[in-house]
Amino acid sequence: MKQVLIAFTSFILIAFCFSCKSQQSSQVETKPDIVAGKTSEEPKETSKNKDTTKKDNPYKNAKIDIVTYKVDTLGWGYDILLWNSRYVHQPSIPALPGNRGFAEDSLARRAAEFIVKKIRNNIIPPSVTIQELDSLGVLK
């Protein structure tokens, strides 16, 4: 039991040291700039400060199509095609329990258009809430 406690304490201490060290290294370096006798501090861009996670939106100009269809006796559903491949298959109203489809073709299309807007803005996965569907007026 003592060995487990010592090992756990050592692990926490090491993790704390590394987290403090990584926070210090991510601070912005500054360099003095002397202009007309005044010194101003400007951030100096270093390779540590560059945002490497920001990428271009691959969906901004993508070819996206909407296909609505009748689902037997359940109502209407929709497919969203991305470059002619099925990207979203939604035979029922999303965010609601059960298998109830949209009451009309136009309501399914309106919900699909909202999802397409999310995809175009790189909101992936393009989930939807009951409140969003209600505000669209598709929950009739």
C-alpha atoms as a PDB file:
ATOM      1  CA  MET A   1       0.000   0.000   0.000  1.00  0.00           C
ATOM      2  CA  LYS A   2       2.857   2.344   0.846  1.00  0.00           C
ATOM      3  CA  GLN A   3       4.530   1.680  -2.503  1.00  0.00           C
ATOM      4  CA  VAL A   4       1.319   2.454  -4.396  1.00  0.00           C
ATOM      5  CA  LEU A   5       0.915   5.724  -2.482  1.00  0.00           C
ATOM      6  CA  ILE A   6       4.529   6.724  -3.181  1.00  0.00           C
ATOM      7  CA  ALA A   7       4.187   5.862  -6.883  1.00  0.00           C
ATOM      8  CA  PHE A   8       0.941   7.828  -7.171  1.00  0.00           C
ATOM      9  CA  THR A   9       2.428  10.866  -5.409  1.00  0.00           C
ATOM     10  CA  SER A  10       5.495  10.738  -7.666  1.00  0.00           C
ATOM     11  CA  PHE A  11       3.281  10.577 -10.754  1.00  0.00           C
ATOM     12  CA  ILE A  12       1.250  13.620  -9.646  1.00  0.00           C
ATOM     13  CA  LEU A  13       4.427  15.576  -8.884  1.00  0.00           C
ATOM     14  CA  ILE A  14       5.958  14.788 -12.289  1.00  0.00           C
ATOM     15  CA  ALA A  15       2.718  15.663 -14.104  1.00  0.00           C
ATOM     16  CA  PHE A  16       2.550  18.981 -12.237  1.00  0.00           C
ATOM     17  CA  CYS A  17       6.144  19.834 -13.168  1.00  0.00           C
ATOM     18  CA  PHE A  18       5.570  19.132 -16.857  1.00  0.00           C
ATOM     19  CA  SER A  19       2.342  21.155 -16.958  1.00  0.00           C
ATOM     20  CA  CYS A  20       4.060  24.173 -15.395  1.00  0.00           C
ATOM     21  CA  LYS A  21       6.951  23.884 -17.836  1.00  0.00           C
ATOM     22  CA  SER A  22       4.648  23.715 -20.893  1.00  0.00           C
ATOM     23  CA  GLN A  23       2.721  26.817 -19.752  1.00  0.00           C
ATOM     24  CA  GLN A  24       5.940  28.802 -19.409  1.00  0.00           C
ATOM     25  CA  SER A  25       7.168  27.846 -22.887  1.00  0.00           C
ATOM     26  CA  SER A  26       3.910  28.937 -24.561  1.00  0.00           C
ATOM     27  CA  GLN A  27       4.198  32.551 -23.439  1.00  0.00           C
ATOM     28  CA  VAL A  28       4.710  35.221 -26.112  1.00  0.00           C
ATOM     29  CA  GLU A  29       8.268  36.397 -26.460  1.00  0.00           C
ATOM     30  CA  THR A  30       8.694  40.153 -26.804  1.00  0.00           C
ATOM     31  CA  LYS A  31      11.429  42.239 -28.325  1.00  0.00           C
ATOM     32  CA  PRO A  32      12.109  45.888 -27.668  1.00  0.00           C
ATOM     33  CA  ASP A  33      11.542  48.272 -30.564  1.00  0.00           C
ATOM     34  CA  ILE A  34      13.203  51.648 -30.226  1.00  0.00           C
ATOM     35  CA  VAL A  35      11.503  54.363 -32.293  1.00  0.00           C
ATOM     36  CA  ALA A  36      12.126  58.062 -31.613  1.00  0.00           C
ATOM     37  CA  GLY A  37      13.572  57.305 -28.206  1.00  0.00           C
ATOM     38  CA  LYS A  38      10.532  55.293 -27.055  1.00  0.00           C
ATOM     39  CA  THR A  39      10.567  51.609 -26.324  1.00  0.00           C
ATOM     40  CA  SER A  40       7.521  49.520 -27.172  1.00  0.00           C
ATOM     41  CA  GLU A  41       7.013  45.832 -26.674  1.00  0.00           C
ATOM     42  CA  GLU A  42       5.749  43.900 -29.696  1.00  0.00           C
ATOM     43  CA  PRO A  43       5.056  40.204 -29.718  1.00  0.00           C
ATOM     44  CA  LYS A  44       7.708  38.292 -31.616  1.00  0.00           C
ATOM     45  CA  GLU A  45       6.235  35.437 -33.576  1.00  0.00           C
ATOM     46  CA  THR A  46       7.994  32.183 -32.880  1.00  0.00           C
ATOM     47  CA  SER A  47       7.347  28.715 -34.178  1.00  0.00           C
ATOM     48  CA  LYS A  48       5.842  27.856 -30.782  1.00  0.00           C
ATOM     49  CA  ASN A  49       3.176  30.558 -31.181  1.00  0.00           C
ATOM     50  CA  LYS A  50       1.981  29.651 -34.696  1.00  0.00           C
ATOM     51  CA  ASP A  51      -1.458  28.047 -34.846  1.00  0.00           C
ATOM     52  CA  THR A  52      -0.875  24.812 -36.713  1.00  0.00           C
ATOM     53  CA  THR A  53      -4.385  23.464 -36.048  1.00  0.00           C
ATOM     54  CA  LYS A  54      -6.175  26.057 -38.204  1.00  0.00           C
ATOM     55  CA  LYS A  55      -6.868  24.571 -41.619  1.00  0.00           C
ATOM     56  CA  ASP A  56      -8.899  25.581 -44.637  1.00  0.00           C
ATOM     57  CA  ASN A  57     -12.559  24.627 -44.588  1.00  0.00           C
ATOM     58  CA  PRO A  58     -12.863  21.660 -46.997  1.00  0.00           C
ATOM     59  CA  TYR A  59     -16.658  22.061 -47.203  1.00  0.00           C
ATOM     60  CA  LYS A  60     -16.855  25.758 -48.080  1.00  0.00           C
ATOM     61  CA  ASN A  61     -17.106  25.208 -51.848  1.00  0.00           C
ATOM     62  CA  ALA A  62     -18.015  21.514 -51.850  1.00  0.00           C
ATOM     63  CA  LYS A  63     -20.752  20.146 -54.098  1.00  0.00           C
ATOM     64  CA  ILE A  64     -23.583  19.386 -51.665  1.00  0.00           C
ATOM     65  CA  ASP A  65     -27.011  18.137 -52.784  1.00  0.00           C
ATOM     66  CA  ILE A  66     -30.208  17.397 -50.862  1.00  0.00           C
ATOM     67  CA  VAL A  67     -32.547  14.537 -51.751  1.00  0.00           C
ATOM     68  CA  THR A  68     -35.866  14.167 -49.900  1.00  0.00           C
ATOM     69  CA  TYR A  69     -37.844  10.928 -50.011  1.00  0.00           C
ATOM     70  CA  LYS A  70     -41.004   9.343 -48.623  1.00  0.00           C
ATOM     71  CA  VAL A  71     -40.406   6.794 -45.856  1.00  0.00           C
ATOM     72  CA  ASP A  72     -43.281   4.283 -46.106  1.00  0.00           C
ATOM     73  CA  THR A  73     -45.858   5.372 -43.506  1.00  0.00           C
ATOM     74  CA  LEU A  74     -43.382   7.215 -41.274  1.00  0.00           C
ATOM     75  CA  GLY A  75     -43.263  10.504 -43.201  1.00  0.00           C
ATOM     76  CA  TRP A  76     -40.409  12.177 -45.063  1.00  0.00           C
ATOM     77  CA  GLY A  77     -36.647  11.868 -44.718  1.00  0.00           C
ATOM     78  CA  TYR A  78     -33.610  13.303 -46.451  1.00  0.00           C
ATOM     79  CA  ASP A  79     -30.146  12.433 -47.703  1.00  0.00           C
ATOM     80  CA  ILE A  80     -27.300  14.908 -47.996  1.00  0.00           C
ATOM     81  CA  LEU A  81     -24.862  14.087 -50.774  1.00  0.00           C
ATOM     82  CA  LEU A  82     -21.303  15.392 -50.629  1.00  0.00           C
ATOM     83  CA  TRP A  83     -19.601  15.156 -54.028  1.00  0.00           C
ATOM     84  CA  ASN A  84     -22.355  12.722 -55.137  1.00  0.00           C
ATOM     85  CA  SER A  85     -21.679  10.358 -52.192  1.00  0.00           C
ATOM     86  CA  ARG A  86     -24.162   9.931 -49.377  1.00  0.00           C
ATOM     87  CA  TYR A  87     -22.849  11.887 -46.401  1.00  0.00           C
ATOM     88  CA  VAL A  88     -25.990  12.011 -44.233  1.00  0.00           C
ATOM     89  CA  HIS A  89     -28.910   9.550 -44.348  1.00  0.00           C
ATOM     90  CA  GLN A  90     -31.786  10.747 -42.165  1.00  0.00           C
ATOM     91  CA  PRO A  91     -35.012   8.741 -42.542  1.00  0.00           C
ATOM     92  CA  SER A  92     -36.513  10.221 -39.347  1.00  0.00           C
ATOM     93  CA  ILE A  93     -36.514  13.533 -37.490  1.00  0.00           C
ATOM     94  CA  PRO A  94     -33.101  13.929 -35.844  1.00  0.00           C
ATOM     95  CA  ALA A  95     -32.857  14.651 -32.093  1.00  0.00           C
ATOM     96  CA  LEU A  96     -36.284  13.087 -31.448  1.00  0.00           C
ATOM     97  CA  PRO A  97     -36.707   9.580 -30.088  1.00  0.00           C
ATOM     98  CA  GLY A  98     -38.473   7.084 -32.307  1.00  0.00           C
ATOM     99  CA  ASN A  99     -38.799   6.761 -36.056  1.00  0.00           C
ATOM    100  CA  ARG A 100     -41.224   9.557 -36.873  1.00  0.00           C
ATOM    101  CA  GLY A 101     -40.441  11.257 -40.176  1.00  0.00           C
ATOM    102  CA  PHE A 102     -41.125  14.830 -41.226  1.00  0.00           C
ATOM    103  CA  ALA A 103     -44.796  15.613 -41.970  1.00  0.00           C
ATOM    104  CA  GLU A 104     -44.057  17.168 -45.367  1.00  0.00           C
ATOM    105  CA  ASP A 105     -41.380  17.145 -48.034  1.00  0.00           C
ATOM    106  CA  SER A 106     -40.756  20.874 -47.538  1.00  0.00           C
ATOM    107  CA  LEU A 107     -40.098  20.413 -43.800  1.00  0.00           C
ATOM    108  CA  ALA A 108     -37.527  17.691 -44.465  1.00  0.00           C
ATOM    109  CA  ARG A 109     -35.841  19.952 -47.040  1.00  0.00           C
ATOM    110  CA  ARG A 110     -35.757  22.895 -44.588  1.00  0.00           C
ATOM    111  CA  ALA A 111     -34.073  20.746 -41.927  1.00  0.00           C
ATOM    112  CA  ALA A 112     -31.592  19.396 -44.491  1.00  0.00           C
ATOM    113  CA  GLU A 113     -30.743  22.937 -45.640  1.00  0.00           C
ATOM    114  CA  PHE A 114     -29.974  23.857 -42.020  1.00  0.00           C
ATOM    115  CA  ILE A 115     -27.647  20.851 -41.750  1.00  0.00           C
ATOM    116  CA  VAL A 116     -25.955  21.876 -45.019  1.00  0.00           C
ATOM    117  CA  LYS A 117     -25.282  25.338 -43.538  1.00  0.00           C
ATOM    118  CA  LYS A 118     -23.572  23.648 -40.597  1.00  0.00           C
ATOM    119  CA  ILE A 119     -21.495  21.496 -42.944  1.00  0.00           C
ATOM    120  CA  ARG A 120     -20.490  24.529 -45.039  1.00  0.00           C
ATOM    121  CA  ASN A 121     -19.332  26.243 -41.817  1.00  0.00           C
ATOM    122  CA  ASN A 122     -17.239  23.165 -40.937  1.00  0.00           C
ATOM    123  CA  ILE A 123     -19.392  22.225 -37.945  1.00  0.00           C
ATOM    124  CA  ILE A 124     -18.677  18.519 -37.948  1.00  0.00           C
ATOM    125  CA  PRO A 125     -20.549  16.415 -36.976  1.00  0.00           C
ATOM    126  CA  PRO A 126     -23.534  18.521 -38.043  1.00  0.00           C
ATOM    127  CA  SER A 127     -25.753  17.638 -35.096  1.00  0.00           C
ATOM    128  CA  VAL A 128     -29.035  19.395 -34.440  1.00  0.00           C
ATOM    129  CA  THR A 129     -31.054  20.006 -31.276  1.00  0.00           C
ATOM    130  CA  ILE A 130     -34.790  19.936 -30.668  1.00  0.00           C
ATOM    131  CA  GLN A 131     -34.698  23.696 -30.044  1.00  0.00           C
ATOM    132  CA  GLU A 132     -33.041  24.335 -33.424  1.00  0.00           C
ATOM    133  CA  LEU A 133     -35.629  22.181 -35.198  1.00  0.00           C
ATOM    134  CA  ASP A 134     -38.420  23.945 -33.354  1.00  0.00           C
ATOM    135  CA  SER A 135     -37.072  27.356 -34.356  1.00  0.00           C
ATOM    136  CA  LEU A 136     -37.014  26.161 -37.980  1.00  0.00           C
ATOM    137  CA  GLY A 137     -40.677  25.213 -37.649  1.00  0.00           C
ATOM    138  CA  VAL A 138     -40.195  21.632 -38.838  1.00  0.00           C
ATOM    139  CA  LEU A 139     -41.706  19.857 -35.807  1.00  0.00           C
ATOM    140  CA  LYS A 140     -45.359  19.899 -36.981  1.00  0.00           C
END
